[in-house]
C-alpha cells in the first residue's frame, strides 16, 4: 500500500520561506519520479515541480528560481524548498507519484499573507 504523507505547511508572510516534506512508503522510492502539485481555491490542481529518479528536475514557470525540489532516497522523502513566497503561492500542496496508478498525499496548506 503506497502512502504519501506531507508536512511543513503553514502561514508565512510574503517574502518568507517554507520547506515541505513528503514521506513515502510502500514503494521502491528511488526508482520513481516524484511530483509536487498545488491547488488554490477555485482553481485546478497544477504541477509545481518534478524530480526524476536520476535527480533531474522541472518547475512550473511561476515558481522557477524560487522553489527547489529535492529527494533523499535513504529516507524515502521528497522536499520542496519554497523561498520568496508570494500571496499567489497560497494553496494546498500535494505530493504525487505515478506507478500503475497515481497516488496522492492528504495535502498540506500553505498560506502566504500579511
Protein backbone atom coordinates (compact mmCIF):
# COMPACT_ATOMS: atom_id res chain seq x y z
CA UNK A 1 0.00 0.00 0.00
CA UNK A 2 1.57 3.25 -1.19
CA UNK A 3 1.30 6.08 1.31
CA UNK A 4 2.43 9.69 0.97
CA UNK A 5 2.42 11.99 4.00
CA UNK A 6 3.10 15.70 3.56
CA UNK A 7 4.18 18.09 6.28
CA UNK A 8 5.66 21.54 6.68
CA UNK A 9 2.87 23.83 5.56
CA UNK A 10 1.75 26.88 7.47
CA UNK A 11 1.21 30.62 7.46
CA UNK A 12 4.08 32.78 6.24
CA UNK A 13 4.47 36.43 5.29
CA UNK A 14 5.22 37.45 1.69
CA UNK A 15 8.93 37.05 1.01
CA UNK A 16 9.23 34.27 3.56
CA UNK A 17 10.23 30.64 3.19
CA UNK A 18 8.81 27.21 3.94
CA UNK A 19 10.09 23.69 3.43
CA UNK A 20 7.58 20.97 2.64
CA UNK A 21 8.35 17.29 3.15
CA UNK A 22 6.66 14.20 1.77
CA UNK A 23 7.46 10.85 3.35
CA UNK A 24 6.70 7.88 1.10
CA UNK A 25 6.16 4.24 2.00
CA UNK A 26 5.01 1.07 0.25
CA UNK A 27 7.12 1.57 -2.88
CA UNK A 28 10.72 1.38 -4.07
CA UNK A 29 11.09 5.11 -3.71
CA UNK A 30 14.39 5.55 -5.52
CA UNK A 31 13.14 4.37 -8.92
CA UNK A 32 10.19 6.73 -9.28
CA UNK A 33 9.83 10.34 -10.28
CA UNK A 34 8.15 12.39 -7.58
CA UNK A 35 5.93 15.42 -8.07
CA UNK A 36 4.59 18.35 -6.09
CA UNK A 37 1.22 19.78 -7.14
CA UNK A 38 -0.84 22.60 -5.67
CA UNK A 39 -4.46 23.63 -5.77
CA UNK A 40 -5.67 27.10 -4.90
CA UNK A 41 -9.34 27.79 -4.05
CA UNK A 42 -11.46 27.79 -7.18
CA UNK A 43 -8.59 26.70 -9.42
CA UNK A 44 -7.45 23.47 -11.00
CA UNK A 45 -4.67 21.46 -9.47
CA UNK A 46 -1.37 22.36 -11.13
CA UNK A 47 2.01 20.69 -11.35
CA UNK A 48 4.63 22.69 -9.45
CA UNK A 49 7.80 20.59 -9.63
CA UNK A 50 9.11 17.16 -10.62
CA UNK A 51 12.25 15.29 -9.66
CA UNK A 52 13.20 12.17 -11.60
CA UNK A 53 15.00 9.09 -10.35
CA UNK A 54 18.37 10.37 -11.54
CA UNK A 55 17.81 13.77 -9.97
CA UNK A 56 16.84 15.94 -12.93
CA UNK A 57 14.14 18.48 -12.19
CA UNK A 58 11.41 20.55 -13.83
CA UNK A 59 9.47 23.51 -12.49
CA UNK A 60 6.38 25.48 -13.38
CA UNK A 61 7.30 28.87 -14.80
CA UNK A 62 5.56 30.57 -11.88
CA UNK A 63 7.99 29.08 -9.33
CA UNK A 64 11.27 28.88 -11.26
CA UNK A 65 14.12 30.46 -9.34
CA UNK A 66 12.13 30.44 -6.07
CA UNK A 67 11.30 26.79 -5.39
CA UNK A 68 13.67 23.83 -5.24
CA UNK A 69 12.63 20.18 -5.27
CA UNK A 70 14.99 17.57 -3.84
CA UNK A 71 14.90 13.98 -2.66
CA UNK A 72 16.58 11.79 -0.06
CA UNK A 73 16.28 8.20 -1.24
CA UNK A 74 17.66 6.85 2.05
CA UNK A 75 14.72 8.46 3.86
CA UNK A 76 12.16 7.90 1.05
CA UNK A 77 11.37 11.59 1.29
CA UNK A 78 10.93 14.38 -1.24
CA UNK A 79 11.19 18.04 -0.29
CA UNK A 80 10.02 21.35 -1.69
CA UNK A 81 12.00 24.36 -0.52
CA UNK A 82 9.93 27.48 -1.18
CA UNK A 83 11.61 30.88 -0.99
CA UNK A 84 10.42 34.40 -1.79
CA UNK A 85 6.85 33.30 -1.27
CA UNK A 86 4.05 35.35 -2.77
CA UNK A 87 0.36 35.55 -1.89
CA UNK A 88 -0.41 33.74 -5.14
CA UNK A 89 1.50 30.72 -3.83
CA UNK A 90 -1.31 30.18 -1.33
CA UNK A 91 -2.71 26.70 -1.95
CA UNK A 92 -2.94 23.16 -0.69
CA UNK A 93 0.25 21.38 -1.74
CA UNK A 94 0.14 17.70 -2.65
CA UNK A 95 2.82 15.10 -3.12
CA UNK A 96 2.26 12.68 -6.03
CA UNK A 97 3.79 9.57 -7.54
CA UNK A 98 2.68 7.55 -10.55
CA UNK A 99 3.07 3.81 -10.54
CA UNK A 100 0.36 1.88 -12.42
CA UNK A 101 -1.97 4.29 -10.63
CA UNK A 102 -1.48 7.79 -9.34
CA UNK A 103 -1.08 8.22 -5.60
CA UNK A 104 -1.62 11.42 -3.63
CA UNK A 105 -0.93 12.59 -0.13
CA UNK A 106 -3.54 14.30 2.02
CA UNK A 107 -2.12 17.74 1.25
CA UNK A 108 -0.63 20.49 3.38
CA UNK A 109 -1.95 24.06 3.47
CA UNK A 110 0.38 26.91 2.59
CA UNK A 111 -0.92 30.41 3.23
CA UNK A 112 1.11 33.47 2.27
CA UNK A 113 -0.35 36.57 3.85
CA UNK A 114 0.49 39.59 6.00
